[in-house]
Amino acid sequence: MNHSLFVRIEFFYCQLQEGVYDHPFDLAVALEALANRAWDDVDYLCNNIVED
């Protein structure tokens, strides 16, 4: 698994605690970006398992 995803999650959490996401839409966009990145990592891992 990619450590950069965990860094992105931690960064998101810090921004959330600081109140950066004032509007629900901004929060939704940030969460969607994290989810997309997580699914990209899952796809990468699954493809590597299938190829091995």
N, C-alpha and C. Protein backbone atom coordinates (compact mmCIF):
# COMPACT_ATOMS: atom_id res chain seq x y z
N MET A 1 0.85 -1.18 0.00
CA MET A 1 0.00 0.00 0.00
C MET A 1 0.89 1.24 0.00
N ASN A 2 0.38 2.24 -0.57
CA ASN A 2 1.13 3.48 -0.76
C ASN A 2 1.04 4.36 0.49
N HIS A 3 2.20 4.75 1.01
CA HIS A 3 2.21 5.59 2.21
C HIS A 3 1.71 7.00 1.93
N SER A 4 1.78 7.43 0.68
CA SER A 4 1.31 8.78 0.37
C SER A 4 -0.19 8.92 0.61
N LEU A 5 -0.93 7.83 0.48
CA LEU A 5 -2.36 7.88 0.78
C LEU A 5 -2.59 8.20 2.25
N PHE A 6 -1.81 7.58 3.12
CA PHE A 6 -1.95 7.84 4.55
C PHE A 6 -1.57 9.28 4.89
N VAL A 7 -0.58 9.81 4.21
CA VAL A 7 -0.19 11.20 4.41
C VAL A 7 -1.32 12.12 3.95
N ARG A 8 -1.94 11.80 2.83
CA ARG A 8 -3.06 12.60 2.34
C ARG A 8 -4.25 12.57 3.31
N ILE A 9 -4.50 11.40 3.89
CA ILE A 9 -5.58 11.29 4.87
C ILE A 9 -5.26 12.11 6.11
N GLU A 10 -4.03 12.04 6.56
CA GLU A 10 -3.63 12.83 7.73
C GLU A 10 -3.74 14.33 7.44
N PHE A 11 -3.31 14.74 6.25
CA PHE A 11 -3.41 16.14 5.86
C PHE A 11 -4.86 16.59 5.81
N PHE A 12 -5.73 15.74 5.23
CA PHE A 12 -7.15 16.03 5.18
C PHE A 12 -7.71 16.20 6.59
N TYR A 13 -7.34 15.30 7.48
CA TYR A 13 -7.84 15.36 8.85
C TYR A 13 -7.39 16.65 9.54
N CYS A 14 -6.16 17.05 9.33
CA CYS A 14 -5.67 18.30 9.93
C CYS A 14 -6.45 19.50 9.39
N GLN A 15 -6.69 19.51 8.08
CA GLN A 15 -7.46 20.60 7.50
C GLN A 15 -8.89 20.61 8.02
N LEU A 16 -9.45 19.43 8.19
CA LEU A 16 -10.80 19.32 8.72
C LEU A 16 -10.87 19.90 10.14
N GLN A 17 -9.87 19.58 10.96
CA GLN A 17 -9.83 20.09 12.32
C GLN A 17 -9.64 21.60 12.37
N GLU A 18 -8.94 22.15 11.37
CA GLU A 18 -8.71 23.60 11.31
C GLU A 18 -9.90 24.36 10.74
N GLY A 19 -10.89 23.65 10.25
CA GLY A 19 -12.08 24.31 9.72
C GLY A 19 -11.92 24.80 8.29
N VAL A 20 -11.03 24.18 7.54
CA VAL A 20 -10.79 24.61 6.16
C VAL A 20 -12.02 24.36 5.29
N TYR A 21 -12.75 23.30 5.57
CA TYR A 21 -13.91 22.94 4.76
C TYR A 21 -15.17 23.58 5.35
N ASP A 22 -15.39 24.84 5.00
CA ASP A 22 -16.54 25.57 5.52
C ASP A 22 -17.84 25.17 4.83
N HIS A 23 -17.74 24.80 3.59
CA HIS A 23 -18.93 24.48 2.81
C HIS A 23 -18.99 22.96 2.61
N PRO A 24 -20.15 22.37 2.72
CA PRO A 24 -20.28 20.91 2.54
C PRO A 24 -19.76 20.42 1.18
N PHE A 25 -19.91 21.25 0.15
CA PHE A 25 -19.42 20.84 -1.16
C PHE A 25 -17.90 20.67 -1.15
N ASP A 26 -17.18 21.58 -0.49
CA ASP A 26 -15.73 21.47 -0.40
C ASP A 26 -15.31 20.20 0.33
N LEU A 27 -16.04 19.88 1.37
CA LEU A 27 -15.78 18.65 2.12
C LEU A 27 -16.03 17.43 1.24
N ALA A 28 -17.12 17.45 0.49
CA ALA A 28 -17.45 16.33 -0.39
C ALA A 28 -16.39 16.14 -1.47
N VAL A 29 -15.88 17.22 -2.02
CA VAL A 29 -14.84 17.13 -3.05
C VAL A 29 -13.57 16.51 -2.47
N ALA A 30 -13.20 16.94 -1.28
CA ALA A 30 -11.99 16.41 -0.65
C ALA A 30 -12.16 14.92 -0.32
N LEU A 31 -13.31 14.54 0.18
CA LEU A 31 -13.56 13.14 0.50
C LEU A 31 -13.59 12.27 -0.76
N GLU A 32 -14.16 12.81 -1.82
CA GLU A 32 -14.18 12.07 -3.08
C GLU A 32 -12.78 11.85 -3.62
N ALA A 33 -11.93 12.86 -3.50
CA ALA A 33 -10.54 12.72 -3.96
C ALA A 33 -9.81 11.64 -3.15
N LEU A 34 -10.03 11.61 -1.84
CA LEU A 34 -9.42 10.56 -1.02
C LEU A 34 -9.94 9.19 -1.40
N ALA A 35 -11.24 9.08 -1.62
CA ALA A 35 -11.82 7.80 -1.99
C ALA A 35 -11.30 7.33 -3.35
N ASN A 36 -11.20 8.22 -4.29
CA ASN A 36 -10.67 7.86 -5.62
C ASN A 36 -9.24 7.37 -5.51
N ARG A 37 -8.44 8.04 -4.70
CA ARG A 37 -7.04 7.63 -4.52
C ARG A 37 -6.96 6.25 -3.86
N ALA A 38 -7.83 6.02 -2.88
CA ALA A 38 -7.84 4.72 -2.21
C ALA A 38 -8.22 3.61 -3.20
N TRP A 39 -9.22 3.85 -4.04
CA TRP A 39 -9.61 2.85 -5.02
C TRP A 39 -8.52 2.62 -6.05
N ASP A 40 -7.79 3.66 -6.41
CA ASP A 40 -6.65 3.49 -7.32
C ASP A 40 -5.61 2.56 -6.70
N ASP A 41 -5.36 2.72 -5.40
CA ASP A 41 -4.41 1.84 -4.71
C ASP A 41 -4.93 0.41 -4.66
N VAL A 42 -6.23 0.23 -4.43
CA VAL A 42 -6.83 -1.11 -4.41
C VAL A 42 -6.69 -1.75 -5.79
N ASP A 43 -7.00 -1.01 -6.83
CA ASP A 43 -6.85 -1.55 -8.20
C ASP A 43 -5.41 -1.95 -8.47
N TYR A 44 -4.47 -1.13 -8.04
CA TYR A 44 -3.05 -1.43 -8.25
C TYR A 44 -2.67 -2.72 -7.53
N LEU A 45 -3.10 -2.85 -6.28
CA LEU A 45 -2.78 -4.06 -5.52
C LEU A 45 -3.42 -5.30 -6.14
N CYS A 46 -4.66 -5.19 -6.54
CA CYS A 46 -5.35 -6.33 -7.14
C CYS A 46 -4.69 -6.76 -8.44
N ASN A 47 -4.29 -5.81 -9.24
CA ASN A 47 -3.62 -6.14 -10.50
C ASN A 47 -2.29 -6.83 -10.25
N ASN A 48 -1.57 -6.42 -9.21
CA ASN A 48 -0.29 -7.05 -8.91
C ASN A 48 -0.47 -8.46 -8.37
N ILE A 49 -1.54 -8.69 -7.63
CA ILE A 49 -1.80 -10.03 -7.09
C ILE A 49 -2.18 -10.98 -8.22
N VAL A 50 -3.00 -10.50 -9.15
CA VAL A 50 -3.44 -11.34 -10.26
C VAL A 50 -2.26 -11.70 -11.16
N GLU A 51 -1.34 -10.76 -11.37
CA GLU A 51 -0.21 -11.01 -12.25
C GLU A 51 0.81 -11.96 -11.64
N ASP A 52 0.89 -12.02 -10.31
CA ASP A 52 1.88 -12.89 -9.65
C ASP A 52 1.48 -14.30 -9.65
